[in-house]
Amino acid sequence: MKKNDICFLPADNEPYNLPITLKLTDAIRTAHDYSPGPDLIHYRILKHLPCISLQLLLTILNKYWLTDTFPSTWPKAIIIPVPKPGKDSESPNNYRLITLTSCLCKNLKELLTII
């Protein structure tokens, strides 16, 4: 039996392959004020950026999206164990984990889920 290669033509006109053009300011403004991840960029900083900086940020996020490259800190997280109230703190099962990830990465994910 002969194998045939499958050739999919790129669909560059599909919304998920196009540059992000949504309002970054709306995504940042409506975001919860989460703690920063390993990159130490906080939403409080992002919410106070001037328009020109937000435009530059959108350009950078588009570059990451279109070239399929991301900062090395984005897949990393800070994990903080918080003891559950009223439980024995000697047992590792009695902790709730809080994971802090990059606010920019979360914001890009939010922009992409809207598309």
PDB file of N, CA and C in Angstrom:
ATOM      1  N   MET A   1       0.844  -1.170   0.000  1.00  0.00           N
ATOM      2  CA  MET A   1       0.000   0.000   0.000  1.00  0.00           C
ATOM      3  C   MET A   1       0.895   1.240   0.000  1.00  0.00           C
ATOM      4  N   LYS A   2       0.637   2.130  -0.897  1.00  0.00           N
ATOM      5  CA  LYS A   2       1.444   3.332  -1.044  1.00  0.00           C
ATOM      6  C   LYS A   2       0.931   4.424  -0.106  1.00  0.00           C
ATOM      7  N   LYS A   3       1.884   5.054   0.573  1.00  0.00           N
ATOM      8  CA  LYS A   3       1.518   6.153   1.461  1.00  0.00           C
ATOM      9  C   LYS A   3       1.505   7.448   0.675  1.00  0.00           C
ATOM     10  N   ASN A   4       0.505   8.261   0.930  1.00  0.00           N
ATOM     11  CA  ASN A   4       0.414   9.578   0.313  1.00  0.00           C
ATOM     12  C   ASN A   4       0.661  10.643   1.368  1.00  0.00           C
ATOM     13  N   ASP A   5       1.499  11.594   1.031  1.00  0.00           N
ATOM     14  CA  ASP A   5       1.716  12.706   1.942  1.00  0.00           C
ATOM     15  C   ASP A   5       0.474  13.582   1.974  1.00  0.00           C
ATOM     16  N   ILE A   6       0.178  14.059   3.142  1.00  0.00           N
ATOM     17  CA  ILE A   6      -0.947  14.980   3.286  1.00  0.00           C
ATOM     18  C   ILE A   6      -0.380  16.387   3.191  1.00  0.00           C
ATOM     19  N   CYS A   7      -0.963  17.173   2.337  1.00  0.00           N
ATOM     20  CA  CYS A   7      -0.489  18.541   2.151  1.00  0.00           C
ATOM     21  C   CYS A   7      -1.642  19.493   2.435  1.00  0.00           C
ATOM     22  N   PHE A   8      -1.515  20.211   3.562  1.00  0.00           N
ATOM     23  CA  PHE A   8      -2.516  21.212   3.902  1.00  0.00           C
ATOM     24  C   PHE A   8      -1.982  22.571   3.493  1.00  0.00           C
ATOM     25  N   LEU A   9      -2.761  23.283   2.752  1.00  0.00           N
ATOM     26  CA  LEU A   9      -2.375  24.634   2.381  1.00  0.00           C
ATOM     27  C   LEU A   9      -2.623  25.555   3.576  1.00  0.00           C
ATOM     28  N   PRO A  10      -1.712  26.467   3.834  1.00  0.00           N
ATOM     29  CA  PRO A  10      -1.928  27.368   4.974  1.00  0.00           C
ATOM     30  C   PRO A  10      -3.152  28.245   4.745  1.00  0.00           C
ATOM     31  N   ALA A  11      -3.890  28.422   5.789  1.00  0.00           N
ATOM     32  CA  ALA A  11      -5.080  29.266   5.723  1.00  0.00           C
ATOM     33  C   ALA A  11      -4.775  30.570   6.443  1.00  0.00           C
ATOM     34  N   ASP A  12      -3.954  31.391   5.813  1.00  0.00           N
ATOM     35  CA  ASP A  12      -3.519  32.623   6.459  1.00  0.00           C
ATOM     36  C   ASP A  12      -4.642  33.618   6.675  1.00  0.00           C
ATOM     37  N   ASN A  13      -5.760  33.418   6.012  1.00  0.00           N
ATOM     38  CA  ASN A  13      -6.868  34.352   6.183  1.00  0.00           C
ATOM     39  C   ASN A  13      -7.791  33.963   7.336  1.00  0.00           C
ATOM     40  N   GLU A  14      -7.514  32.844   7.993  1.00  0.00           N
ATOM     41  CA  GLU A  14      -8.319  32.446   9.144  1.00  0.00           C
ATOM     42  C   GLU A  14      -8.016  33.395  10.308  1.00  0.00           C
ATOM     43  N   PRO A  15      -9.009  33.757  11.124  1.00  0.00           N
ATOM     44  CA  PRO A  15      -8.786  34.724  12.209  1.00  0.00           C
ATOM     45  C   PRO A  15      -7.675  34.317  13.170  1.00  0.00           C
ATOM     46  N   TYR A  16      -7.533  33.018  13.426  1.00  0.00           N
ATOM     47  CA  TYR A  16      -6.513  32.590  14.384  1.00  0.00           C
ATOM     48  C   TYR A  16      -5.098  32.652  13.804  1.00  0.00           C
ATOM     49  N   ASN A  17      -4.935  32.925  12.521  1.00  0.00           N
ATOM     50  CA  ASN A  17      -3.610  33.074  11.915  1.00  0.00           C
ATOM     51  C   ASN A  17      -3.251  34.528  11.635  1.00  0.00           C
ATOM     52  N   LEU A  18      -4.142  35.430  11.934  1.00  0.00           N
ATOM     53  CA  LEU A  18      -3.910  36.846  11.642  1.00  0.00           C
ATOM     54  C   LEU A  18      -3.320  37.558  12.859  1.00  0.00           C
ATOM     55  N   PRO A  19      -2.701  38.695  12.635  1.00  0.00           N
ATOM     56  CA  PRO A  19      -2.213  39.477  13.771  1.00  0.00           C
ATOM     57  C   PRO A  19      -3.357  39.872  14.695  1.00  0.00           C
ATOM     58  N   ILE A  20      -3.039  40.042  15.945  1.00  0.00           N
ATOM     59  CA  ILE A  20      -4.030  40.435  16.933  1.00  0.00           C
ATOM     60  C   ILE A  20      -4.308  41.921  16.743  1.00  0.00           C
ATOM     61  N   THR A  21      -5.564  42.256  16.509  1.00  0.00           N
ATOM     62  CA  THR A  21      -5.919  43.654  16.305  1.00  0.00           C
ATOM     63  C   THR A  21      -6.947  44.123  17.322  1.00  0.00           C
ATOM     64  N   LEU A  22      -7.309  43.243  18.239  1.00  0.00           N
ATOM     65  CA  LEU A  22      -8.293  43.617  19.247  1.00  0.00           C
ATOM     66  C   LEU A  22      -7.726  44.666  20.182  1.00  0.00           C
ATOM     67  N   LYS A  23      -8.590  45.320  20.899  1.00  0.00           N
ATOM     68  CA  LYS A  23      -8.137  46.375  21.792  1.00  0.00           C
ATOM     69  C   LYS A  23      -7.432  45.781  23.006  1.00  0.00           C
ATOM     70  N   LEU A  24      -6.140  45.928  23.004  1.00  0.00           N
ATOM     71  CA  LEU A  24      -5.327  45.457  24.117  1.00  0.00           C
ATOM     72  C   LEU A  24      -5.701  46.205  25.393  1.00  0.00           C
ATOM     73  N   THR A  25      -6.033  47.477  25.257  1.00  0.00           N
ATOM     74  CA  THR A  25      -6.389  48.276  26.431  1.00  0.00           C
ATOM     75  C   THR A  25      -7.614  47.706  27.137  1.00  0.00           C
ATOM     76  N   ASP A  26      -8.603  47.235  26.372  1.00  0.00           N
ATOM     77  CA  ASP A  26      -9.792  46.641  26.986  1.00  0.00           C
ATOM     78  C   ASP A  26      -9.449  45.365  27.734  1.00  0.00           C
ATOM     79  N   ALA A  27      -8.591  44.553  27.130  1.00  0.00           N
ATOM     80  CA  ALA A  27      -8.198  43.298  27.779  1.00  0.00           C
ATOM     81  C   ALA A  27      -7.443  43.559  29.075  1.00  0.00           C
ATOM     82  N   ILE A  28      -6.571  44.541  29.066  1.00  0.00           N
ATOM     83  CA  ILE A  28      -5.811  44.873  30.275  1.00  0.00           C
ATOM     84  C   ILE A  28      -6.721  45.524  31.319  1.00  0.00           C
ATOM     85  N   ARG A  29      -7.581  46.432  30.873  1.00  0.00           N
ATOM     86  CA  ARG A  29      -8.458  47.152  31.802  1.00  0.00           C
ATOM     87  C   ARG A  29      -9.409  46.207  32.531  1.00  0.00           C
ATOM     88  N   THR A  30      -9.908  45.198  31.853  1.00  0.00           N
ATOM     89  CA  THR A  30     -10.873  44.281  32.459  1.00  0.00           C
ATOM     90  C   THR A  30     -10.216  43.116  33.189  1.00  0.00           C
ATOM     91  N   ALA A  31      -8.900  43.010  33.119  1.00  0.00           N
ATOM     92  CA  ALA A  31      -8.202  41.906  33.776  1.00  0.00           C
ATOM     93  C   ALA A  31      -8.225  42.090  35.290  1.00  0.00           C
ATOM     94  N   HIS A  32      -8.269  40.990  35.985  1.00  0.00           N
ATOM     95  CA  HIS A  32      -8.169  41.032  37.440  1.00  0.00           C
ATOM     96  C   HIS A  32      -6.749  41.440  37.818  1.00  0.00           C
ATOM     97  N   ASP A  33      -6.601  41.990  38.976  1.00  0.00           N
ATOM     98  CA  ASP A  33      -5.296  42.485  39.413  1.00  0.00           C
ATOM     99  C   ASP A  33      -4.490  41.345  40.046  1.00  0.00           C
ATOM    100  N   TYR A  34      -4.073  40.387  39.201  1.00  0.00           N
ATOM    101  CA  TYR A  34      -3.318  39.245  39.680  1.00  0.00           C
ATOM    102  C   TYR A  34      -1.895  39.642  40.053  1.00  0.00           C
ATOM    103  N   SER A  35      -1.287  38.818  40.882  1.00  0.00           N
ATOM    104  CA  SER A  35       0.124  39.013  41.204  1.00  0.00           C
ATOM    105  C   SER A  35       0.964  38.615  40.009  1.00  0.00           C
ATOM    106  N   PRO A  36       2.153  39.219  39.877  1.00  0.00           N
ATOM    107  CA  PRO A  36       2.998  38.915  38.714  1.00  0.00           C
ATOM    108  C   PRO A  36       3.652  37.547  38.832  1.00  0.00           C
ATOM    109  N   GLY A  37       4.066  37.043  37.678  1.00  0.00           N
ATOM    110  CA  GLY A  37       4.793  35.783  37.626  1.00  0.00           C
ATOM    111  C   GLY A  37       6.288  36.042  37.646  1.00  0.00           C
ATOM    112  N   PRO A  38       7.079  35.103  37.125  1.00  0.00           N
ATOM    113  CA  PRO A  38       8.538  35.235  37.140  1.00  0.00           C
ATOM    114  C   PRO A  38       9.072  36.448  36.379  1.00  0.00           C
ATOM    115  N   ASP A  39       8.299  36.992  35.436  1.00  0.00           N
ATOM    116  CA  ASP A  39       8.790  38.160  34.690  1.00  0.00           C
ATOM    117  C   ASP A  39       8.605  39.468  35.470  1.00  0.00           C
ATOM    118  N   LEU A  40       7.873  39.412  36.601  1.00  0.00           N
ATOM    119  CA  LEU A  40       7.648  40.543  37.500  1.00  0.00           C
ATOM    120  C   LEU A  40       6.913  41.721  36.856  1.00  0.00           C
ATOM    121  N   ILE A  41       6.204  41.482  35.763  1.00  0.00           N
ATOM    122  CA  ILE A  41       5.392  42.529  35.139  1.00  0.00           C
ATOM    123  C   ILE A  41       3.987  42.418  35.720  1.00  0.00           C
ATOM    124  N   HIS A  42       3.554  43.449  36.391  1.00  0.00           N
ATOM    125  CA  HIS A  42       2.293  43.442  37.126  1.00  0.00           C
ATOM    126  C   HIS A  42       1.204  44.156  36.328  1.00  0.00           C
ATOM    127  N   TYR A  43      -0.046  43.735  36.521  1.00  0.00           N
ATOM    128  CA  TYR A  43      -1.168  44.389  35.850  1.00  0.00           C
ATOM    129  C   TYR A  43      -1.277  45.858  36.224  1.00  0.00           C
ATOM    130  N   ARG A  44      -0.883  46.212  37.443  1.00  0.00           N
ATOM    131  CA  ARG A  44      -0.938  47.623  37.841  1.00  0.00           C
ATOM    132  C   ARG A  44      -0.035  48.466  36.939  1.00  0.00           C
ATOM    133  N   ILE A  45       1.077  47.891  36.505  1.00  0.00           N
ATOM    134  CA  ILE A  45       1.962  48.599  35.575  1.00  0.00           C
ATOM    135  C   ILE A  45       1.294  48.693  34.203  1.00  0.00           C
ATOM    136  N   LEU A  46       0.765  47.572  33.722  1.00  0.00           N
ATOM    137  CA  LEU A  46       0.150  47.532  32.391  1.00  0.00           C
ATOM    138  C   LEU A  46      -1.036  48.492  32.290  1.00  0.00           C
ATOM    139  N   LYS A  47      -1.812  48.598  33.361  1.00  0.00           N
ATOM    140  CA  LYS A  47      -3.000  49.450  33.338  1.00  0.00           C
ATOM    141  C   LYS A  47      -2.657  50.935  33.262  1.00  0.00           C
ATOM    142  N   HIS A  48      -1.428  51.299  33.573  1.00  0.00           N
ATOM    143  CA  HIS A  48      -1.039  52.706  33.553  1.00  0.00           C
ATOM    144  C   HIS A  48      -0.122  53.061  32.389  1.00  0.00           C
ATOM    145  N   LEU A  49       0.036  52.156  31.444  1.00  0.00           N
ATOM    146  CA  LEU A  49       0.879  52.453  30.288  1.00  0.00           C
ATOM    147  C   LEU A  49       0.196  53.455  29.365  1.00  0.00           C
ATOM    148  N   PRO A  50       0.975  54.386  28.794  1.00  0.00           N
ATOM    149  CA  PRO A  50       0.378  55.304  27.812  1.00  0.00           C
ATOM    150  C   PRO A  50       0.054  54.563  26.512  1.00  0.00           C
ATOM    151  N   CYS A  51      -0.774  55.163  25.693  1.00  0.00           N
ATOM    152  CA  CYS A  51      -1.229  54.533  24.438  1.00  0.00           C
ATOM    153  C   CYS A  51      -0.070  54.086  23.555  1.00  0.00           C
ATOM    154  N   ILE A  52       0.969  54.890  23.453  1.00  0.00           N
ATOM    155  CA  ILE A  52       2.098  54.530  22.587  1.00  0.00           C
ATOM    156  C   ILE A  52       2.792  53.266  23.094  1.00  0.00           C
ATOM    157  N   SER A  53       2.865  53.112  24.407  1.00  0.00           N
ATOM    158  CA  SER A  53       3.479  51.905  24.984  1.00  0.00           C
ATOM    159  C   SER A  53       2.591  50.688  24.766  1.00  0.00           C
ATOM    160  N   LEU A  54       1.279  50.874  24.853  1.00  0.00           N
ATOM    161  CA  LEU A  54       0.360  49.766  24.597  1.00  0.00           C
ATOM    162  C   LEU A  54       0.440  49.324  23.136  1.00  0.00           C
ATOM    163  N   GLN A  55       0.611  50.273  22.235  1.00  0.00           N
ATOM    164  CA  GLN A  55       0.754  49.936  20.818  1.00  0.00           C
ATOM    165  C   GLN A  55       2.039  49.134  20.595  1.00  0.00           C
ATOM    166  N   LEU A  56       3.117  49.540  21.244  1.00  0.00           N
ATOM    167  CA  LEU A  56       4.372  48.802  21.158  1.00  0.00           C
ATOM    168  C   LEU A  56       4.212  47.402  21.751  1.00  0.00           C
ATOM    169  N   LEU A  57       3.520  47.307  22.864  1.00  0.00           N
ATOM    170  CA  LEU A  57       3.268  46.008  23.484  1.00  0.00           C
ATOM    171  C   LEU A  57       2.465  45.105  22.550  1.00  0.00           C
ATOM    172  N   LEU A  58       1.462  45.663  21.885  1.00  0.00           N
ATOM    173  CA  LEU A  58       0.671  44.892  20.929  1.00  0.00           C
ATOM    174  C   LEU A  58       1.545  44.409  19.772  1.00  0.00           C
ATOM    175  N   THR A  59       2.456  45.253  19.306  1.00  0.00           N
ATOM    176  CA  THR A  59       3.389  44.861  18.247  1.00  0.00           C
ATOM    177  C   THR A  59       4.265  43.695  18.703  1.00  0.00           C
ATOM    178  N   ILE A  60       4.746  43.767  19.932  1.00  0.00           N
ATOM    179  CA  ILE A  60       5.588  42.695  20.480  1.00  0.00           C
ATOM    180  C   ILE A  60       4.788  41.401  20.614  1.00  0.00           C
ATOM    181  N   LEU A  61       3.567  41.498  21.141  1.00  0.00           N
ATOM    182  CA  LEU A  61       2.727  40.294  21.283  1.00  0.00           C
ATOM    183  C   LEU A  61       2.416  39.683  19.919  1.00  0.00           C
ATOM    184  N   ASN A  62       2.176  40.512  18.917  1.00  0.00           N
ATOM    185  CA  ASN A  62       1.945  40.003  17.560  1.00  0.00           C
ATOM    186  C   ASN A  62       3.182  39.300  17.017  1.00  0.00           C
ATOM    187  N   LYS A  63       4.351  39.841  17.303  1.00  0.00           N
ATOM    188  CA  LYS A  63       5.583  39.196  16.847  1.00  0.00           C
ATOM    189  C   LYS A  63       5.700  37.809  17.467  1.00  0.00           C
ATOM    190  N   TYR A  64       5.447  37.720  18.760  1.00  0.00           N
ATOM    191  CA  TYR A  64       5.477  36.406  19.420  1.00  0.00           C
ATOM    192  C   TYR A  64       4.464  35.459  18.780  1.00  0.00           C
ATOM    193  N   TRP A  65       3.251  35.961  18.563  1.00  0.00           N
ATOM    194  CA  TRP A  65       2.174  35.127  18.032  1.00  0.00           C
ATOM    195  C   TRP A  65       2.480  34.642  16.616  1.00  0.00           C
ATOM    196  N   LEU A  66       2.916  35.541  15.755  1.00  0.00           N
ATOM    197  CA  LEU A  66       3.113  35.205  14.341  1.00  0.00           C
ATOM    198  C   LEU A  66       4.393  34.405  14.084  1.00  0.00           C
ATOM    199  N   THR A  67       5.374  34.518  14.964  1.00  0.00           N
ATOM    200  CA  THR A  67       6.618  33.754  14.781  1.00  0.00           C
ATOM    201  C   THR A  67       6.657  32.501  15.647  1.00  0.00           C
ATOM    202  N   ASP A  68       5.602  32.284  16.426  1.00  0.00           N
ATOM    203  CA  ASP A  68       5.508  31.107  17.294  1.00  0.00           C
ATOM    204  C   ASP A  68       6.699  31.025  18.250  1.00  0.00           C
ATOM    205  N   THR A  69       7.103  32.169  18.785  1.00  0.00           N
ATOM    206  CA  THR A  69       8.160  32.216  19.783  1.00  0.00           C
ATOM    207  C   THR A  69       7.625  32.968  20.998  1.00  0.00           C
ATOM    208  N   PHE A  70       8.085  32.583  22.151  1.00  0.00           N
ATOM    209  CA  PHE A  70       7.622  33.204  23.381  1.00  0.00           C
ATOM    210  C   PHE A  70       8.788  33.382  24.342  1.00  0.00           C
ATOM    211  N   PRO A  71       8.704  34.365  25.226  1.00  0.00           N
ATOM    212  CA  PRO A  71       9.769  34.564  26.203  1.00  0.00           C
ATOM    213  C   PRO A  71       9.962  33.322  27.078  1.00  0.00           C
ATOM    214  N   SER A  72      11.175  33.091  27.463  1.00  0.00           N
ATOM    215  CA  SER A  72      11.491  31.881  28.229  1.00  0.00           C
ATOM    216  C   SER A  72      10.815  31.860  29.595  1.00  0.00           C
ATOM    217  N   THR A  73      10.413  33.016  30.114  1.00  0.00           N
ATOM    218  CA  THR A  73       9.763  33.035  31.431  1.00  0.00           C
ATOM    219  C   THR A  73       8.286  32.648  31.366  1.00  0.00           C
ATOM    220  N   TRP A  74       7.678  32.718  30.195  1.00  0.00           N
ATOM    221  CA  TRP A  74       6.239  32.461  30.112  1.00  0.00           C
ATOM    222  C   TRP A  74       5.820  31.054  30.509  1.00  0.00           C
ATOM    223  N   PRO A  75       6.560  30.014  30.165  1.00  0.00           N
ATOM    224  CA  PRO A  75       6.121  28.686  30.621  1.00  0.00           C
ATOM    225  C   PRO A  75       6.468  28.411  32.082  1.00  0.00           C
ATOM    226  N   LYS A  76       7.157  29.339  32.743  1.00  0.00           N
ATOM    227  CA  LYS A  76       7.554  29.146  34.139  1.00  0.00           C
ATOM    228  C   LYS A  76       6.507  29.747  35.063  1.00  0.00           C
ATOM    229  N   ALA A  77       6.495  29.252  36.295  1.00  0.00           N
ATOM    230  CA  ALA A  77       5.539  29.750  37.279  1.00  0.00           C
ATOM    231  C   ALA A  77       6.183  29.740  38.655  1.00  0.00           C
ATOM    232  N   ILE A  78       5.667  30.593  39.508  1.00  0.00           N
ATOM    233  CA  ILE A  78       6.037  30.583  40.916  1.00  0.00           C
ATOM    234  C   ILE A  78       4.883  29.893  41.632  1.00  0.00           C
ATOM    235  N   ILE A  79       5.197  28.837  42.381  1.00  0.00           N
ATOM    236  CA  ILE A  79       4.158  28.085  43.081  1.00  0.00           C
ATOM    237  C   ILE A  79       4.295  28.350  44.582  1.00  0.00           C
ATOM    238  N   ILE A  80       3.202  28.800  45.177  1.00  0.00           N
ATOM    239  CA  ILE A  80       3.189  29.132  46.597  1.00  0.00           C
ATOM    240  C   ILE A  80       2.223  28.187  47.307  1.00  0.00           C
ATOM    241  N   PRO A  81       2.721  27.361  48.230  1.00  0.00           N
ATOM    242  CA  PRO A  81       1.815  26.504  48.998  1.00  0.00           C
ATOM    243  C   PRO A  81       1.186  27.293  50.150  1.00  0.00           C
ATOM    244  N   VAL A  82      -0.121  27.234  50.259  1.00  0.00           N
ATOM    245  CA  VAL A  82      -0.857  27.919  51.322  1.00  0.00           C
ATOM    246  C   VAL A  82      -1.574  26.849  52.141  1.00  0.00           C
ATOM    247  N   PRO A  83      -1.324  26.810  53.448  1.00  0.00           N
ATOM    248  CA  PRO A  83      -1.987  25.770  54.263  1.00  0.00           C
ATOM    249  C   PRO A  83      -3.505  25.967  54.294  1.00  0.00           C
ATOM    250  N   LYS A  84      -4.212  24.862  54.235  1.00  0.00           N
ATOM    251  CA  LYS A  84      -5.671  24.913  54.329  1.00  0.00           C
ATOM    252  C   LYS A  84      -6.040  25.194  55.784  1.00  0.00           C
ATOM    253  N   PRO A  85      -7.015  26.076  56.000  1.00  0.00           N
ATOM    254  CA  PRO A  85      -7.374  26.423  57.382  1.00  0.00           C
ATOM    255  C   PRO A  85      -7.900  25.219  58.158  1.00  0.00           C
ATOM    256  N   GLY A  86      -7.436  25.097  59.394  1.00  0.00           N
ATOM    257  CA  GLY A  86      -7.922  24.036  60.271  1.00  0.00           C
ATOM    258  C   GLY A  86      -7.360  22.662  59.969  1.00  0.00           C
ATOM    259  N   LYS A  87      -6.401  22.567  59.065  1.00  0.00           N
ATOM    260  CA  LYS A  87      -5.815  21.264  58.707  1.00  0.00           C
ATOM    261  C   LYS A  87      -4.404  21.161  59.278  1.00  0.00           C
ATOM    262  N   ASP A  88      -3.929  19.928  59.398  1.00  0.00           N
ATOM    263  CA  ASP A  88      -2.586  19.673  59.895  1.00  0.00           C
ATOM    264  C   ASP A  88      -1.560  20.152  58.865  1.00  0.00           C
ATOM    265  N   SER A  89      -0.748  21.147  59.232  1.00  0.00           N
ATOM    266  CA  SER A  89       0.226  21.695  58.291  1.00  0.00           C
ATOM    267  C   SER A  89       1.435  20.791  58.085  1.00  0.00           C
ATOM    268  N   GLU A  90       1.499  19.680  58.822  1.00  0.00           N
ATOM    269  CA  GLU A  90       2.597  18.726  58.643  1.00  0.00           C
ATOM    270  C   GLU A  90       2.392  17.856  57.398  1.00  0.00           C
ATOM    271  N   SER A  91       1.151  17.757  56.929  1.00  0.00           N
ATOM    272  CA  SER A  91       0.847  16.913  55.773  1.00  0.00           C
ATOM    273  C   SER A  91       0.845  17.747  54.501  1.00  0.00           C
ATOM    274  N   PRO A  92       1.612  17.330  53.481  1.00  0.00           N
ATOM    275  CA  PRO A  92       1.614  18.071  52.217  1.00  0.00           C
ATOM    276  C   PRO A  92       0.254  18.086  51.525  1.00  0.00           C
ATOM    277  N   ASN A  93      -0.619  17.143  51.845  1.00  0.00           N
ATOM    278  CA  ASN A  93      -1.955  17.096  51.229  1.00  0.00           C
ATOM    279  C   ASN A  93      -2.864  18.222  51.724  1.00  0.00           C
ATOM    280  N   ASN A  94      -2.451  18.890  52.789  1.00  0.00           N
ATOM    281  CA  ASN A  94      -3.292  19.929  53.380  1.00  0.00           C
ATOM    282  C   ASN A  94      -2.863  21.333  52.959  1.00  0.00           C
ATOM    283  N   TYR A  95      -2.344  21.420  51.752  1.00  0.00           N
ATOM    284  CA  TYR A  95      -1.944  22.716  51.213  1.00  0.00           C
ATOM    285  C   TYR A  95      -2.653  22.964  49.892  1.00  0.00           C
ATOM    286  N   ARG A  96      -2.996  24.213  49.678  1.00  0.00           N
ATOM    287  CA  ARG A  96      -3.559  24.639  48.396  1.00  0.00           C
ATOM    288  C   ARG A  96      -2.442  25.368  47.666  1.00  0.00           C
ATOM    289  N   LEU A  97      -2.284  25.084  46.384  1.00  0.00           N
ATOM    290  CA  LEU A  97      -1.206  25.695  45.621  1.00  0.00           C
ATOM    291  C   LEU A  97      -1.717  26.905  44.848  1.00  0.00           C
ATOM    292  N   ILE A  98      -0.989  27.996  44.948  1.00  0.00           N
ATOM    293  CA  ILE A  98      -1.271  29.186  44.153  1.00  0.00           C
ATOM    294  C   ILE A  98      -0.156  29.295  43.127  1.00  0.00           C
ATOM    295  N   THR A  99      -0.518  29.391  41.862  1.00  0.00           N
ATOM    296  CA  THR A  99       0.462  29.454  40.782  1.00  0.00           C
ATOM    297  C   THR A  99       0.453  30.840  40.174  1.00  0.00           C
ATOM    298  N   LEU A 100       1.618  31.492  40.186  1.00  0.00           N
ATOM    299  CA  LEU A 100       1.757  32.821  39.605  1.00  0.00           C
ATOM    300  C   LEU A 100       2.457  32.697  38.262  1.00  0.00           C
ATOM    301  N   THR A 101       1.771  33.117  37.212  1.00  0.00           N
ATOM    302  CA  THR A 101       2.342  33.076  35.864  1.00  0.00           C
ATOM    303  C   THR A 101       2.373  34.489  35.287  1.00  0.00           C
ATOM    304  N   SER A 102       2.996  34.644  34.157  1.00  0.00           N
ATOM    305  CA  SER A 102       3.178  35.943  33.528  1.00  0.00           C
ATOM    306  C   SER A 102       1.840  36.609  33.198  1.00  0.00           C
ATOM    307  N   CYS A 103       1.686  37.855  33.634  1.00  0.00           N
ATOM    308  CA  CYS A 103       0.466  38.623  33.311  1.00  0.00           C
ATOM    309  C   CYS A 103       0.373  38.882  31.811  1.00  0.00           C
ATOM    310  N   LEU A 104       1.505  39.103  31.154  1.00  0.00           N
ATOM    311  CA  LEU A 104       1.481  39.317  29.701  1.00  0.00           C
ATOM    312  C   LEU A 104       1.036  38.054  28.976  1.00  0.00           C
ATOM    313  N   CYS A 105       1.500  36.911  29.444  1.00  0.00           N
ATOM    314  CA  CYS A 105       1.097  35.645  28.826  1.00  0.00           C
ATOM    315  C   CYS A 105      -0.404  35.427  29.023  1.00  0.00           C
ATOM    316  N   LYS A 106      -0.903  35.702  30.235  1.00  0.00           N
ATOM    317  CA  LYS A 106      -2.338  35.561  30.497  1.00  0.00           C
ATOM    318  C   LYS A 106      -3.139  36.518  29.614  1.00  0.00           C
ATOM    319  N   ASN A 107      -2.589  37.713  29.416  1.00  0.00           N
ATOM    320  CA  ASN A 107      -3.275  38.707  28.599  1.00  0.00           C
ATOM    321  C   ASN A 107      -3.326  38.275  27.141  1.00  0.00           C
ATOM    322  N   LEU A 108      -2.223  37.738  26.631  1.00  0.00           N
ATOM    323  CA  LEU A 108      -2.208  37.234  25.255  1.00  0.00           C
ATOM    324  C   LEU A 108      -3.202  36.093  25.115  1.00  0.00           C
ATOM    325  N   LYS A 109      -3.239  35.218  26.087  1.00  0.00           N
ATOM    326  CA  LYS A 109      -4.208  34.106  26.053  1.00  0.00           C
ATOM    327  C   LYS A 109      -5.633  34.649  26.035  1.00  0.00           C
ATOM    328  N   GLU A 110      -5.898  35.678  26.818  1.00  0.00           N
ATOM    329  CA  GLU A 110      -7.220  36.296  26.840  1.00  0.00           C
ATOM    330  C   GLU A 110      -7.577  36.889  25.474  1.00  0.00           C
ATOM    331  N   LEU A 111      -6.616  37.563  24.845  1.00  0.00           N
ATOM    332  CA  LEU A 111      -6.857  38.134  23.522  1.00  0.00           C
ATOM    333  C   LEU A 111      -7.165  37.041  22.506  1.00  0.00           C
ATOM    334  N   LEU A 112      -6.450  35.925  22.594  1.00  0.00           N
ATOM    335  CA  LEU A 112      -6.620  34.854  21.613  1.00  0.00           C
ATOM    336  C   LEU A 112      -7.926  34.089  21.816  1.00  0.00           C
ATOM    337  N   THR A 113      -8.430  34.032  23.034  1.00  0.00           N
ATOM    338  CA  THR A 113      -9.697  33.319  23.256  1.00  0.00           C
ATOM    339  C   THR A 113     -10.883  34.124  22.749  1.00  0.00           C
ATOM    340  N   ILE A 114     -10.687  35.430  22.566  1.00  0.00           N
ATOM    341  CA  ILE A 114     -11.776  36.277  22.059  1.00  0.00           C
ATOM    342  C   ILE A 114     -11.932  36.101  20.549  1.00  0.00           C
ATOM    343  N   ILE A 115     -10.843  35.752  19.862  1.00  0.00           N
ATOM    344  CA  ILE A 115     -10.863  35.652  18.389  1.00  0.00           C
ATOM    345  C   ILE A 115     -11.848  34.602  17.945  1.00  0.00           C
TER     346      ILE A 115
END
